[in-house]
Structure formats: structure tokens, C-alpha cells
Amino acid sequence: MARDERGKKRRFPPWIILGFVLLLWVGLNFAKNAVANYRLKKEITALERRLEVLELRGLELEKEIANWQCLENVERVAREELGLVKPGETVYILSQPLEEDLELDVKKR
């Protein structure tokens, strides 16, 4: 503690000590809330980005659903990828000669 001119110890009034403690408490709470606010803003930004990605994916899926509701597309995929045929249709499969056979055929000529 500080001493005055006469050598007596000078005491701070209790309201000054209380004010200092209160000011310190307010400052610490302000800093704590500022850090929490910063973290929340970062989380909000990340969630907004994820929302945009999910909305775009939703639009892609809606287009795909609309595409699969068209019977022409379903039939095309069934024929090309699954090899299905309509009743009464005959399927002809053309084979390609192997490269070895081509070389032998060229050598014979």
C-alpha cells in the first residue's frame, strides 16, 4: 500500500476496490463472449456453405428424378445397359474380329 507524507499507510476505499473488481469481471466476460461470437460466426459460415452444396445436390437429384420419370429414358437404359428386348424382337449381335485374326488374314493375302 502507498504511504502518505506522515508515514501512515493509505488505504483504498472499498468502493474503488469493488469498482476495480467489477471492471475486471466485465472485461473478462466481454472477452469470453467475443471469442464465443467469433467461433459461432465461423460455424455459421461453414454451415451456410454446406447448405449451398446440399441445395445444389437436391436440384441435381430432382433433375434425375424427372429424367427417370420419362419412359423413353427408362426404355433406352433397359435396352442399352441391361440388354432387355421387347416381346417378339430379335436381337442381332455383331462381333468384331480379333486383332490376331486380322494380322493372319493380311499375311495370307
Foldseek 3Di string as FASTA:
>chain_A
DDADPVRDDDDDDPVVVVVVVVVVVVVVVVVVVVVVVVVVVVVVVVVVVVVVVVVVVVVVVVVVVVQVVDVVNVVVCCCVVVVDDDPPDDDDDDDDDDPVVVVVVVVVD
